[in-house]
């Protein structure tokens, strides 16, 4: 992969890169507060983002209810949320399908994501509470640990936690809602391609740089780190056009 200069600078001096084969793990999602719909959404989102439910798969509410041991009503409500996220397509009288992955759509998405993520990182660095800053530091440390162990599922769950924490700490509901429409698509796209270049350590390092900057109230560093992260993701997306 041809990384951007910013991404290469961010990686320099840290020998995290590893050729260790990725260990796929299917551990259950840890219990969290929320409704059955929230639980169904979290589990289905992870299954789609980590390609356990591949693009083009036709979904059955009944089969998903049995698989997740959750009633059909929460499953249906979760699928409606996933449709808003662009991860499934509801086809009247035909069923529900996991959406396809489109590289050019990702590039258009990144045009918006770059501006929103920079704003939210800066706001989070300014507005996060003491408890939130401690959690950002914990997430950064855990991401690097997951990358060192080649644990992609742990990293993906931490990435989701990072996204939610940024959205909360920024305290701008409009930015949070807008980013919520892009996170799932972006995470799935990265997961589909990252093993081709074995760059889980780099992704973890760039995310951790943003999280640590927020934890330390470094507003400018948080914004810069966000731009470096998007530089990497954009280079990543463009590279897939050539494969």
C-alpha atoms as a PDB file:
ATOM      1  CA  UNK A   1       0.000   0.000   0.000  1.00  0.00           C
ATOM      2  CA  UNK A   2       1.178   3.546  -0.724  1.00  0.00           C
ATOM      3  CA  UNK A   3       0.578   5.380   2.543  1.00  0.00           C
ATOM      4  CA  UNK A   4       0.326   9.151   2.687  1.00  0.00           C
ATOM      5  CA  UNK A   5       3.263  11.131   4.057  1.00  0.00           C
ATOM      6  CA  UNK A   6       1.225  11.969   7.148  1.00  0.00           C
ATOM      7  CA  UNK A   7       0.456   8.318   7.812  1.00  0.00           C
ATOM      8  CA  UNK A   8       4.103   7.342   7.311  1.00  0.00           C
ATOM      9  CA  UNK A   9       5.190  10.059   9.732  1.00  0.00           C
ATOM     10  CA  UNK A  10       2.698   8.779  12.263  1.00  0.00           C
ATOM     11  CA  UNK A  11       4.059   5.252  11.954  1.00  0.00           C
ATOM     12  CA  UNK A  12       7.758   6.202  12.063  1.00  0.00           C
ATOM     13  CA  UNK A  13       9.535   5.287  15.260  1.00  0.00           C
ATOM     14  CA  UNK A  14       7.076   2.595  16.320  1.00  0.00           C
ATOM     15  CA  UNK A  15       7.758  -0.967  15.235  1.00  0.00           C
ATOM     16  CA  UNK A  16       4.200  -2.224  15.634  1.00  0.00           C
ATOM     17  CA  UNK A  17       3.820  -3.639  12.156  1.00  0.00           C
ATOM     18  CA  UNK A  18       3.565  -7.398  12.156  1.00  0.00           C
ATOM     19  CA  UNK A  19       3.087 -10.150   9.625  1.00  0.00           C
ATOM     20  CA  UNK A  20       1.417 -12.357  12.217  1.00  0.00           C
ATOM     21  CA  UNK A  21      -1.656 -14.022  10.680  1.00  0.00           C
ATOM     22  CA  UNK A  22      -4.881 -12.517  11.920  1.00  0.00           C
ATOM     23  CA  UNK A  23      -6.709 -14.673  14.446  1.00  0.00           C
ATOM     24  CA  UNK A  24     -10.430 -14.537  13.849  1.00  0.00           C
ATOM     25  CA  UNK A  25     -12.411 -14.689  17.031  1.00  0.00           C
ATOM     26  CA  UNK A  26     -16.149 -14.918  17.402  1.00  0.00           C
ATOM     27  CA  UNK A  27     -16.495 -14.170  21.093  1.00  0.00           C
ATOM     28  CA  UNK A  28     -19.935 -12.932  22.156  1.00  0.00           C
ATOM     29  CA  UNK A  29     -20.368  -9.202  22.554  1.00  0.00           C
ATOM     30  CA  UNK A  30     -20.070  -8.255  26.201  1.00  0.00           C
ATOM     31  CA  UNK A  31     -23.316  -7.379  27.979  1.00  0.00           C
ATOM     32  CA  UNK A  32     -24.185  -3.702  27.745  1.00  0.00           C
ATOM     33  CA  UNK A  33     -27.011  -1.527  28.922  1.00  0.00           C
ATOM     34  CA  UNK A  34     -29.901  -0.945  26.542  1.00  0.00           C
ATOM     35  CA  UNK A  35     -32.973  -2.540  25.076  1.00  0.00           C
ATOM     36  CA  UNK A  36     -33.238  -5.813  23.191  1.00  0.00           C
ATOM     37  CA  UNK A  37     -33.315  -3.716  20.018  1.00  0.00           C
ATOM     38  CA  UNK A  38     -29.998  -2.135  21.021  1.00  0.00           C
ATOM     39  CA  UNK A  39     -28.515  -5.573  21.606  1.00  0.00           C
ATOM     40  CA  UNK A  40     -29.835  -6.889  18.297  1.00  0.00           C
ATOM     41  CA  UNK A  41     -28.433  -3.841  16.511  1.00  0.00           C
ATOM     42  CA  UNK A  42     -24.978  -4.221  18.079  1.00  0.00           C
ATOM     43  CA  UNK A  43     -24.743  -7.913  17.252  1.00  0.00           C
ATOM     44  CA  UNK A  44     -26.088  -7.615  13.711  1.00  0.00           C
ATOM     45  CA  UNK A  45     -23.894  -4.577  13.001  1.00  0.00           C
ATOM     46  CA  UNK A  46     -20.813  -6.523  14.058  1.00  0.00           C
ATOM     47  CA  UNK A  47     -21.834  -9.550  11.993  1.00  0.00           C
ATOM     48  CA  UNK A  48     -22.241  -7.376   8.900  1.00  0.00           C
ATOM     49  CA  UNK A  49     -19.156  -5.215   9.450  1.00  0.00           C
ATOM     50  CA  UNK A  50     -16.922  -8.266  10.031  1.00  0.00           C
ATOM     51  CA  UNK A  51     -18.432 -10.038   7.009  1.00  0.00           C
ATOM     52  CA  UNK A  52     -19.997 -12.884   8.943  1.00  0.00           C
ATOM     53  CA  UNK A  53     -23.054 -11.759   6.976  1.00  0.00           C
ATOM     54  CA  UNK A  54     -21.553 -11.143   3.545  1.00  0.00           C
ATOM     55  CA  UNK A  55     -22.691  -8.487   1.055  1.00  0.00           C
ATOM     56  CA  UNK A  56     -25.651  -9.775  -0.944  1.00  0.00           C
ATOM     57  CA  UNK A  57     -26.859 -12.127   1.796  1.00  0.00           C
ATOM     58  CA  UNK A  58     -30.662 -12.294   2.070  1.00  0.00           C
ATOM     59  CA  UNK A  59     -31.701 -12.026   5.715  1.00  0.00           C
ATOM     60  CA  UNK A  60     -34.606 -13.696   7.456  1.00  0.00           C
ATOM     61  CA  UNK A  61     -36.056 -12.093  10.580  1.00  0.00           C
ATOM     62  CA  UNK A  62     -37.037 -15.511  11.873  1.00  0.00           C
ATOM     63  CA  UNK A  63     -33.604 -17.044  11.287  1.00  0.00           C
ATOM     64  CA  UNK A  64     -31.875 -14.068  12.911  1.00  0.00           C
ATOM     65  CA  UNK A  65     -34.233 -14.223  15.882  1.00  0.00           C
ATOM     66  CA  UNK A  66     -33.320 -17.881  16.419  1.00  0.00           C
ATOM     67  CA  UNK A  67     -29.603 -17.258  15.905  1.00  0.00           C
ATOM     68  CA  UNK A  68     -29.441 -14.331  18.346  1.00  0.00           C
ATOM     69  CA  UNK A  69     -32.129 -15.651  20.704  1.00  0.00           C
ATOM     70  CA  UNK A  70     -34.006 -12.361  20.457  1.00  0.00           C
ATOM     71  CA  UNK A  71     -37.639 -11.791  19.464  1.00  0.00           C
ATOM     72  CA  UNK A  72     -38.592 -10.826  15.930  1.00  0.00           C
ATOM     73  CA  UNK A  73     -39.773  -7.320  16.890  1.00  0.00           C
ATOM     74  CA  UNK A  74     -36.338  -6.195  18.192  1.00  0.00           C
ATOM     75  CA  UNK A  75     -34.735  -7.856  15.154  1.00  0.00           C
ATOM     76  CA  UNK A  76     -37.051  -5.948  12.813  1.00  0.00           C
ATOM     77  CA  UNK A  77     -36.356  -2.643  14.589  1.00  0.00           C
ATOM     78  CA  UNK A  78     -32.605  -3.287  14.497  1.00  0.00           C
ATOM     79  CA  UNK A  79     -32.764  -4.019  10.760  1.00  0.00           C
ATOM     80  CA  UNK A  80     -34.558  -0.720  10.209  1.00  0.00           C
ATOM     81  CA  UNK A  81     -31.692   1.067  11.975  1.00  0.00           C
ATOM     82  CA  UNK A  82     -29.171  -0.831   9.887  1.00  0.00           C
ATOM     83  CA  UNK A  83     -31.038   0.214   6.751  1.00  0.00           C
ATOM     84  CA  UNK A  84     -30.622   3.866   7.806  1.00  0.00           C
ATOM     85  CA  UNK A  85     -26.906   3.148   8.230  1.00  0.00           C
ATOM     86  CA  UNK A  86     -26.736   1.776   4.685  1.00  0.00           C
ATOM     87  CA  UNK A  87     -25.679  -1.712   5.818  1.00  0.00           C
ATOM     88  CA  UNK A  88     -28.863  -3.459   4.683  1.00  0.00           C
ATOM     89  CA  UNK A  89     -31.389  -2.780   1.948  1.00  0.00           C
ATOM     90  CA  UNK A  90     -35.081  -3.371   2.612  1.00  0.00           C
ATOM     91  CA  UNK A  91     -36.759  -4.534  -0.587  1.00  0.00           C
ATOM     92  CA  UNK A  92     -40.577  -4.409  -0.377  1.00  0.00           C
ATOM     93  CA  UNK A  93     -42.128  -7.861  -0.869  1.00  0.00           C
ATOM     94  CA  UNK A  94     -38.674  -9.309  -1.588  1.00  0.00           C
ATOM     95  CA  UNK A  95     -36.900  -9.295   1.751  1.00  0.00           C
ATOM     96  CA  UNK A  96     -33.858  -7.713   3.343  1.00  0.00           C
ATOM     97  CA  UNK A  97     -30.382  -7.896   1.836  1.00  0.00           C
ATOM     98  CA  UNK A  98     -26.945  -7.001   3.195  1.00  0.00           C
ATOM     99  CA  UNK A  99     -25.798  -4.070   1.055  1.00  0.00           C
ATOM    100  CA  UNK A 100     -22.959  -4.383  -1.424  1.00  0.00           C
ATOM    101  CA  UNK A 101     -19.583  -2.685  -0.872  1.00  0.00           C
ATOM    102  CA  UNK A 102     -18.832   0.153  -3.290  1.00  0.00           C
ATOM    103  CA  UNK A 103     -15.346   1.695  -3.420  1.00  0.00           C
ATOM    104  CA  UNK A 104     -16.394   4.907  -5.161  1.00  0.00           C
ATOM    105  CA  UNK A 105     -19.159   5.378  -2.607  1.00  0.00           C
ATOM    106  CA  UNK A 106     -16.474   5.136   0.080  1.00  0.00           C
ATOM    107  CA  UNK A 107     -14.439   7.884  -1.551  1.00  0.00           C
ATOM    108  CA  UNK A 108     -17.445  10.220  -1.634  1.00  0.00           C
ATOM    109  CA  UNK A 109     -18.211   9.303   1.969  1.00  0.00           C
ATOM    110  CA  UNK A 110     -14.645  10.209   2.969  1.00  0.00           C
ATOM    111  CA  UNK A 111     -15.045  13.729   1.580  1.00  0.00           C
ATOM    112  CA  UNK A 112     -17.668  14.344   4.258  1.00  0.00           C
ATOM    113  CA  UNK A 113     -16.101  12.161   6.917  1.00  0.00           C
ATOM    114  CA  UNK A 114     -12.800  14.083   6.835  1.00  0.00           C
ATOM    115  CA  UNK A 115     -14.473  17.364   7.770  1.00  0.00           C
ATOM    116  CA  UNK A 116     -16.797  15.862  10.366  1.00  0.00           C
ATOM    117  CA  UNK A 117     -14.153  13.744  12.083  1.00  0.00           C
ATOM    118  CA  UNK A 118     -11.746  16.682  12.368  1.00  0.00           C
ATOM    119  CA  UNK A 119     -14.508  18.795  13.905  1.00  0.00           C
ATOM    120  CA  UNK A 120     -15.581  16.069  16.318  1.00  0.00           C
ATOM    121  CA  UNK A 121     -12.028  15.260  17.412  1.00  0.00           C
ATOM    122  CA  UNK A 122     -11.381  18.931  18.116  1.00  0.00           C
ATOM    123  CA  UNK A 123     -14.659  19.346  20.007  1.00  0.00           C
ATOM    124  CA  UNK A 124     -14.063  16.171  22.009  1.00  0.00           C
ATOM    125  CA  UNK A 125     -10.613  17.410  23.036  1.00  0.00           C
ATOM    126  CA  UNK A 126     -12.219  20.640  24.223  1.00  0.00           C
ATOM    127  CA  UNK A 127     -15.352  19.248  25.870  1.00  0.00           C
ATOM    128  CA  UNK A 128     -14.683  15.726  27.161  1.00  0.00           C
ATOM    129  CA  UNK A 129     -15.208  15.120  30.868  1.00  0.00           C
ATOM    130  CA  UNK A 130     -12.487  13.718  33.110  1.00  0.00           C
ATOM    131  CA  UNK A 131     -14.120  10.277  32.999  1.00  0.00           C
ATOM    132  CA  UNK A 132     -14.325  10.403  29.214  1.00  0.00           C
ATOM    133  CA  UNK A 133     -10.657  11.376  28.944  1.00  0.00           C
ATOM    134  CA  UNK A 134      -9.700   8.379  31.045  1.00  0.00           C
ATOM    135  CA  UNK A 135     -11.804   6.178  28.785  1.00  0.00           C
ATOM    136  CA  UNK A 136     -10.114   7.587  25.673  1.00  0.00           C
ATOM    137  CA  UNK A 137      -6.723   6.704  27.175  1.00  0.00           C
ATOM    138  CA  UNK A 138      -7.979   3.194  27.953  1.00  0.00           C
ATOM    139  CA  UNK A 139      -9.272   2.738  24.403  1.00  0.00           C
ATOM    140  CA  UNK A 140      -5.954   3.873  22.924  1.00  0.00           C
ATOM    141  CA  UNK A 141      -4.004   1.394  25.056  1.00  0.00           C
ATOM    142  CA  UNK A 142      -6.442  -1.443  24.318  1.00  0.00           C
ATOM    143  CA  UNK A 143      -6.330  -0.799  20.550  1.00  0.00           C
ATOM    144  CA  UNK A 144      -2.550  -1.114  20.482  1.00  0.00           C
ATOM    145  CA  UNK A 145      -2.772  -4.281  22.576  1.00  0.00           C
ATOM    146  CA  UNK A 146      -5.366  -5.798  20.226  1.00  0.00           C
ATOM    147  CA  UNK A 147      -3.155  -5.016  17.226  1.00  0.00           C
ATOM    148  CA  UNK A 148      -0.127  -6.585  18.930  1.00  0.00           C
ATOM    149  CA  UNK A 149      -2.169  -9.771  19.423  1.00  0.00           C
ATOM    150  CA  UNK A 150      -3.545  -9.632  15.849  1.00  0.00           C
ATOM    151  CA  UNK A 151      -7.054  -9.670  17.360  1.00  0.00           C
ATOM    152  CA  UNK A 152      -9.176  -8.036  14.690  1.00  0.00           C
ATOM    153  CA  UNK A 153     -12.531  -8.585  16.421  1.00  0.00           C
ATOM    154  CA  UNK A 154     -11.312  -6.916  19.616  1.00  0.00           C
ATOM    155  CA  UNK A 155     -10.026  -4.008  17.537  1.00  0.00           C
ATOM    156  CA  UNK A 156     -13.352  -3.641  15.702  1.00  0.00           C
ATOM    157  CA  UNK A 157     -15.242  -3.524  18.999  1.00  0.00           C
ATOM    158  CA  UNK A 158     -12.823  -0.919  20.333  1.00  0.00           C
ATOM    159  CA  UNK A 159     -13.256   1.071  17.122  1.00  0.00           C
ATOM    160  CA  UNK A 160     -17.014   1.085  17.689  1.00  0.00           C
ATOM    161  CA  UNK A 161     -16.438   2.173  21.294  1.00  0.00           C
ATOM    162  CA  UNK A 162     -14.098   4.929  20.054  1.00  0.00           C
ATOM    163  CA  UNK A 163     -16.726   6.179  17.594  1.00  0.00           C
ATOM    164  CA  UNK A 164     -19.444   6.288  20.241  1.00  0.00           C
ATOM    165  CA  UNK A 165     -17.132   8.017  22.717  1.00  0.00           C
ATOM    166  CA  UNK A 166     -16.108  10.690  20.195  1.00  0.00           C
ATOM    167  CA  UNK A 167     -19.756  11.314  19.355  1.00  0.00           C
ATOM    168  CA  UNK A 168     -20.640  11.703  23.030  1.00  0.00           C
ATOM    169  CA  UNK A 169     -17.646  13.819  24.046  1.00  0.00           C
ATOM    170  CA  UNK A 170     -18.030  16.248  21.114  1.00  0.00           C
ATOM    171  CA  UNK A 171     -21.485  17.185  22.425  1.00  0.00           C
ATOM    172  CA  UNK A 172     -22.888  18.104  19.052  1.00  0.00           C
ATOM    173  CA  UNK A 173     -25.880  15.945  18.239  1.00  0.00           C
ATOM    174  CA  UNK A 174     -25.954  16.967  14.573  1.00  0.00           C
ATOM    175  CA  UNK A 175     -22.359  15.912  13.951  1.00  0.00           C
ATOM    176  CA  UNK A 176     -22.921  12.713  15.946  1.00  0.00           C
ATOM    177  CA  UNK A 177     -25.998  11.735  13.934  1.00  0.00           C
ATOM    178  CA  UNK A 178     -24.248  12.460  10.641  1.00  0.00           C
ATOM    179  CA  UNK A 179     -21.227  10.375  11.568  1.00  0.00           C
ATOM    180  CA  UNK A 180     -23.509   7.565  12.713  1.00  0.00           C
ATOM    181  CA  UNK A 181     -24.670   7.169   9.112  1.00  0.00           C
ATOM    182  CA  UNK A 182     -21.096   6.560   7.931  1.00  0.00           C
ATOM    183  CA  UNK A 183     -19.355   4.570  10.646  1.00  0.00           C
ATOM    184  CA  UNK A 184     -20.704   1.128   9.774  1.00  0.00           C
ATOM    185  CA  UNK A 185     -20.002   1.438   6.052  1.00  0.00           C
ATOM    186  CA  UNK A 186     -16.487   2.702   6.713  1.00  0.00           C
ATOM    187  CA  UNK A 187     -15.645   0.012   9.232  1.00  0.00           C
ATOM    188  CA  UNK A 188     -16.916  -2.779   6.982  1.00  0.00           C
ATOM    189  CA  UNK A 189     -14.933  -1.501   4.010  1.00  0.00           C
ATOM    190  CA  UNK A 190     -11.731  -1.401   6.055  1.00  0.00           C
ATOM    191  CA  UNK A 191     -12.324  -4.867   7.478  1.00  0.00           C
ATOM    192  CA  UNK A 192     -12.866  -6.332   4.019  1.00  0.00           C
ATOM    193  CA  UNK A 193      -9.470  -5.177   2.725  1.00  0.00           C
ATOM    194  CA  UNK A 194      -7.067  -4.649   5.621  1.00  0.00           C
ATOM    195  CA  UNK A 195      -5.577  -8.170   5.617  1.00  0.00           C
ATOM    196  CA  UNK A 196      -4.304  -7.665   2.087  1.00  0.00           C
ATOM    197  CA  UNK A 197      -1.628  -5.345   3.514  1.00  0.00           C
ATOM    198  CA  UNK A 198      -1.469  -6.543   7.147  1.00  0.00           C
ATOM    199  CA  UNK A 199      -1.936  -3.003   8.462  1.00  0.00           C
ATOM    200  CA  UNK A 200      -3.923  -3.578  11.654  1.00  0.00           C
ATOM    201  CA  UNK A 201      -1.022  -2.111  13.692  1.00  0.00           C
ATOM    202  CA  UNK A 202      -1.019   1.096  11.641  1.00  0.00           C
ATOM    203  CA  UNK A 203      -4.784   1.514  11.922  1.00  0.00           C
ATOM    204  CA  UNK A 204      -4.550   0.983  15.683  1.00  0.00           C
ATOM    205  CA  UNK A 205      -1.688   3.490  16.021  1.00  0.00           C
ATOM    206  CA  UNK A 206      -3.525   6.206  14.093  1.00  0.00           C
ATOM    207  CA  UNK A 207      -6.742   5.712  16.090  1.00  0.00           C
ATOM    208  CA  UNK A 208      -4.767   5.675  19.346  1.00  0.00           C
ATOM    209  CA  UNK A 209      -3.070   8.961  18.423  1.00  0.00           C
ATOM    210  CA  UNK A 210      -6.469  10.686  18.196  1.00  0.00           C
ATOM    211  CA  UNK A 211      -7.726   9.048  21.395  1.00  0.00           C
ATOM    212  CA  UNK A 212      -4.608  10.052  23.340  1.00  0.00           C
ATOM    213  CA  UNK A 213      -4.772  13.621  22.053  1.00  0.00           C
ATOM    214  CA  UNK A 214      -8.368  13.900  23.264  1.00  0.00           C
ATOM    215  CA  UNK A 215      -7.398  12.332  26.593  1.00  0.00           C
ATOM    216  CA  UNK A 216      -4.679  14.970  27.025  1.00  0.00           C
ATOM    217  CA  UNK A 217      -6.828  17.963  25.936  1.00  0.00           C
ATOM    218  CA  UNK A 218      -4.578  18.559  22.923  1.00  0.00           C
ATOM    219  CA  UNK A 219      -7.050  20.155  20.539  1.00  0.00           C
ATOM    220  CA  UNK A 220      -4.690  20.792  17.638  1.00  0.00           C
ATOM    221  CA  UNK A 221      -3.112  17.339  17.933  1.00  0.00           C
ATOM    222  CA  UNK A 222      -6.563  15.726  17.926  1.00  0.00           C
ATOM    223  CA  UNK A 223      -7.480  17.529  14.688  1.00  0.00           C
ATOM    224  CA  UNK A 224      -4.122  16.696  13.099  1.00  0.00           C
ATOM    225  CA  UNK A 225      -4.411  13.067  14.175  1.00  0.00           C
ATOM    226  CA  UNK A 226      -7.881  12.880  12.657  1.00  0.00           C
ATOM    227  CA  UNK A 227      -6.550  14.163   9.321  1.00  0.00           C
ATOM    228  CA  UNK A 228      -3.718  11.606   9.399  1.00  0.00           C
ATOM    229  CA  UNK A 229      -6.221   8.833  10.045  1.00  0.00           C
ATOM    230  CA  UNK A 230      -8.389   9.908   7.097  1.00  0.00           C
ATOM    231  CA  UNK A 231      -5.280  10.276   4.890  1.00  0.00           C
ATOM    232  CA  UNK A 232      -4.523   6.630   5.607  1.00  0.00           C
ATOM    233  CA  UNK A 233      -8.110   5.489   4.985  1.00  0.00           C
ATOM    234  CA  UNK A 234      -8.335   7.452   1.723  1.00  0.00           C
ATOM    235  CA  UNK A 235      -5.038   5.998   0.478  1.00  0.00           C
ATOM    236  CA  UNK A 236      -6.352   2.598   1.517  1.00  0.00           C
ATOM    237  CA  UNK A 237      -9.593   3.070  -0.441  1.00  0.00           C
ATOM    238  CA  UNK A 238      -7.857   4.327  -3.581  1.00  0.00           C
ATOM    239  CA  UNK A 239      -5.435   1.411  -3.486  1.00  0.00           C
ATOM    240  CA  UNK A 240      -8.330  -1.052  -3.705  1.00  0.00           C
ATOM    241  CA  UNK A 241      -9.341   0.457  -7.058  1.00  0.00           C
ATOM    242  CA  UNK A 242      -6.123  -0.972  -8.513  1.00  0.00           C
ATOM    243  CA  UNK A 243      -6.615  -4.504  -7.183  1.00  0.00           C
END
